[in-house]
C-alpha atoms as a PDB file:
ATOM      1  CA  UNK A   1     218.373 115.444 -33.557  1.00  0.00           C
ATOM      2  CA  UNK A   2     218.779 111.612 -32.857  1.00  0.00           C
ATOM      3  CA  UNK A   3     219.820 112.408 -29.451  1.00  0.00           C
ATOM      4  CA  UNK A   4     216.443 115.029 -29.308  1.00  0.00           C
ATOM      5  CA  UNK A   5     214.759 112.230 -30.432  1.00  0.00           C
ATOM      6  CA  UNK A   6     215.568 110.028 -27.871  1.00  0.00           C
ATOM      7  CA  UNK A   7     215.178 112.397 -25.237  1.00  0.00           C
ATOM      8  CA  UNK A   8     211.721 112.560 -26.448  1.00  0.00           C
ATOM      9  CA  UNK A   9     211.159 108.749 -26.461  1.00  0.00           C
ATOM     10  CA  UNK A  10     211.603 108.187 -22.588  1.00  0.00           C
ATOM     11  CA  UNK A  11     210.082 108.748 -19.462  1.00  0.00           C
ATOM     12  CA  UNK A  12     210.429 112.262 -18.417  1.00  0.00           C
ATOM     13  CA  UNK A  13     212.425 112.934 -15.094  1.00  0.00           C
ATOM     14  CA  UNK A  14     213.923 109.077 -14.887  1.00  0.00           C
ATOM     15  CA  UNK A  15     217.936 108.801 -14.788  1.00  0.00           C
ATOM     16  CA  UNK A  16     217.844 107.771 -18.458  1.00  0.00           C
ATOM     17  CA  UNK A  17     216.056 111.182 -19.660  1.00  0.00           C
ATOM     18  CA  UNK A  18     218.691 113.180 -17.074  1.00  0.00           C
ATOM     19  CA  UNK A  19     221.700 111.712 -18.250  1.00  0.00           C
ATOM     20  CA  UNK A  20     220.494 111.923 -21.924  1.00  0.00           C
ATOM     21  CA  UNK A  21     219.385 115.781 -21.192  1.00  0.00           C
ATOM     22  CA  UNK A  22     222.826 116.927 -19.776  1.00  0.00           C
ATOM     23  CA  UNK A  23     224.246 115.380 -22.436  1.00  0.00           C
ATOM     24  CA  UNK A  24     221.644 117.278 -25.043  1.00  0.00           C
ATOM     25  CA  UNK A  25     222.472 120.700 -22.943  1.00  0.00           C
ATOM     26  CA  UNK A  26     225.986 120.371 -23.256  1.00  0.00           C
ATOM     27  CA  UNK A  27     225.859 119.767 -26.814  1.00  0.00           C
ATOM     28  CA  UNK A  28     223.706 122.676 -27.542  1.00  0.00           C
ATOM     29  CA  UNK A  29     225.726 124.869 -25.892  1.00  0.00           C
ATOM     30  CA  UNK A  30     229.171 123.655 -27.376  1.00  0.00           C
ATOM     31  CA  UNK A  31     227.370 124.148 -30.726  1.00  0.00           C
ATOM     32  CA  UNK A  32     225.944 127.715 -29.595  1.00  0.00           C
ATOM     33  CA  UNK A  33     229.593 128.677 -27.996  1.00  0.00           C
ATOM     34  CA  UNK A  34     231.298 127.468 -31.567  1.00  0.00           C
ATOM     35  CA  UNK A  35     229.467 129.888 -33.926  1.00  0.00           C
ATOM     36  CA  UNK A  36     231.410 132.461 -32.301  1.00  0.00           C
ATOM     37  CA  UNK A  37     234.065 131.034 -34.636  1.00  0.00           C
ATOM     38  CA  UNK A  38     232.009 131.545 -37.263  1.00  0.00           C
ATOM     39  CA  UNK A  39     232.418 135.018 -39.326  1.00  0.00           C
ATOM     40  CA  UNK A  40     230.364 134.145 -43.281  1.00  0.00           C
ATOM     41  CA  UNK A  41     227.590 136.849 -42.537  1.00  0.00           C
ATOM     42  CA  UNK A  42     229.415 139.753 -41.305  1.00  0.00           C
ATOM     43  CA  UNK A  43     226.299 142.341 -41.027  1.00  0.00           C
ATOM     44  CA  UNK A  44     227.304 143.887 -37.754  1.00  0.00           C
ATOM     45  CA  UNK A  45     230.622 143.821 -37.880  1.00  0.00           C
ATOM     46  CA  UNK A  46     232.184 140.833 -37.520  1.00  0.00           C
ATOM     47  CA  UNK A  47     228.204 139.237 -36.024  1.00  0.00           C
ATOM     48  CA  UNK A  48     225.888 137.730 -37.797  1.00  0.00           C
ATOM     49  CA  UNK A  49     221.528 136.910 -36.314  1.00  0.00           C
ATOM     50  CA  UNK A  50     223.721 133.436 -36.272  1.00  0.00           C
ATOM     51  CA  UNK A  51     225.171 134.976 -32.820  1.00  0.00           C
ATOM     52  CA  UNK A  52     222.277 136.451 -31.395  1.00  0.00           C
ATOM     53  CA  UNK A  53     220.275 133.517 -31.554  1.00  0.00           C
ATOM     54  CA  UNK A  54     223.812 131.616 -29.879  1.00  0.00           C
ATOM     55  CA  UNK A  55     223.780 134.055 -26.955  1.00  0.00           C
ATOM     56  CA  UNK A  56     219.269 133.343 -26.773  1.00  0.00           C
ATOM     57  CA  UNK A  57     220.330 129.117 -26.486  1.00  0.00           C
ATOM     58  CA  UNK A  58     222.719 129.842 -24.308  1.00  0.00           C
ATOM     59  CA  UNK A  59     220.691 132.176 -21.912  1.00  0.00           C
ATOM     60  CA  UNK A  60     217.804 129.685 -22.079  1.00  0.00           C
ATOM     61  CA  UNK A  61     219.747 126.567 -21.284  1.00  0.00           C
ATOM     62  CA  UNK A  62     220.614 128.141 -17.917  1.00  0.00           C
ATOM     63  CA  UNK A  63     217.250 129.040 -17.204  1.00  0.00           C
ATOM     64  CA  UNK A  64     215.854 126.107 -18.575  1.00  0.00           C
ATOM     65  CA  UNK A  65     217.914 123.976 -16.218  1.00  0.00           C
ATOM     66  CA  UNK A  66     217.461 126.241 -13.310  1.00  0.00           C
ATOM     67  CA  UNK A  67     213.803 125.553 -13.864  1.00  0.00           C
ATOM     68  CA  UNK A  68     214.092 121.996 -13.576  1.00  0.00           C
ATOM     69  CA  UNK A  69     215.999 121.775 -10.445  1.00  0.00           C
ATOM     70  CA  UNK A  70     213.925 124.424  -8.947  1.00  0.00           C
ATOM     71  CA  UNK A  71     210.917 122.149  -9.580  1.00  0.00           C
ATOM     72  CA  UNK A  72     209.166 124.496 -12.642  1.00  0.00           C
ATOM     73  CA  UNK A  73     208.917 121.011 -14.837  1.00  0.00           C
ATOM     74  CA  UNK A  74     206.302 122.937 -16.839  1.00  0.00           C
ATOM     75  CA  UNK A  75     207.972 126.144 -17.617  1.00  0.00           C
ATOM     76  CA  UNK A  76     211.377 123.736 -18.403  1.00  0.00           C
ATOM     77  CA  UNK A  77     209.395 121.858 -20.894  1.00  0.00           C
ATOM     78  CA  UNK A  78     208.220 124.558 -22.877  1.00  0.00           C
ATOM     79  CA  UNK A  79     211.917 126.083 -22.607  1.00  0.00           C
ATOM     80  CA  UNK A  80     213.378 122.987 -24.312  1.00  0.00           C
ATOM     81  CA  UNK A  81     210.587 122.356 -26.822  1.00  0.00           C
ATOM     82  CA  UNK A  82     211.113 125.891 -27.644  1.00  0.00           C
ATOM     83  CA  UNK A  83     214.790 125.737 -28.484  1.00  0.00           C
ATOM     84  CA  UNK A  84     214.542 122.275 -30.139  1.00  0.00           C
ATOM     85  CA  UNK A  85     211.803 123.538 -32.602  1.00  0.00           C
ATOM     86  CA  UNK A  86     214.021 127.502 -32.937  1.00  0.00           C
ATOM     87  CA  UNK A  87     217.411 125.791 -32.557  1.00  0.00           C
ATOM     88  CA  UNK A  88     217.060 122.846 -34.408  1.00  0.00           C
ATOM     89  CA  UNK A  89     214.352 122.951 -36.646  1.00  0.00           C
ATOM     90  CA  UNK A  90     214.131 126.894 -37.729  1.00  0.00           C
ATOM     91  CA  UNK A  91     218.015 127.338 -37.347  1.00  0.00           C
ATOM     92  CA  UNK A  92     218.585 123.773 -38.953  1.00  0.00           C
ATOM     93  CA  UNK A  93     216.299 124.875 -42.010  1.00  0.00           C
ATOM     94  CA  UNK A  94     218.760 127.871 -42.519  1.00  0.00           C
ATOM     95  CA  UNK A  95     221.904 125.517 -43.198  1.00  0.00           C
ATOM     96  CA  UNK A  96     219.798 123.760 -46.092  1.00  0.00           C
ATOM     97  CA  UNK A  97     219.561 126.969 -47.781  1.00  0.00           C
ATOM     98  CA  UNK A  98     221.209 127.444 -51.927  1.00  0.00           C
ATOM     99  CA  UNK A  99     224.765 128.296 -51.148  1.00  0.00           C
ATOM    100  CA  UNK A 100     225.380 127.312 -47.228  1.00  0.00           C
ATOM    101  CA  UNK A 101     228.077 124.672 -46.515  1.00  0.00           C
ATOM    102  CA  UNK A 102     225.584 121.750 -45.248  1.00  0.00           C
ATOM    103  CA  UNK A 103     222.779 122.653 -48.842  1.00  0.00           C
ATOM    104  CA  UNK A 104     225.852 121.488 -50.604  1.00  0.00           C
ATOM    105  CA  UNK A 105     226.972 118.544 -48.362  1.00  0.00           C
ATOM    106  CA  UNK A 106     223.533 117.413 -48.936  1.00  0.00           C
ATOM    107  CA  UNK A 107     223.023 117.825 -52.511  1.00  0.00           C
ATOM    108  CA  UNK A 108     226.501 117.166 -53.725  1.00  0.00           C
ATOM    109  CA  UNK A 109     227.135 120.496 -55.325  1.00  0.00           C
END
């Protein structure tokens, strides 16, 4: 989350934005890929909606990077903002539901 705030706080297109953006993309890809070893919720065989979200994030990362590299800055901006909201805010909120590990970490129970 701190990296996201840093990226949104600096001038778009600057060298720092590019370096932090690449770091963010690699981190998001790592998190999305790591979810394929989580089998807590088994709704469709060993898979759950989190796996669909992970596939979506991986695909969106590819398209967002391709968009900015081809000069489609507005499309890149929309895609990245959508991922920040969907993958970090919404998915992050679900990790805080009672019974989930992060809820227990934060609440101390």
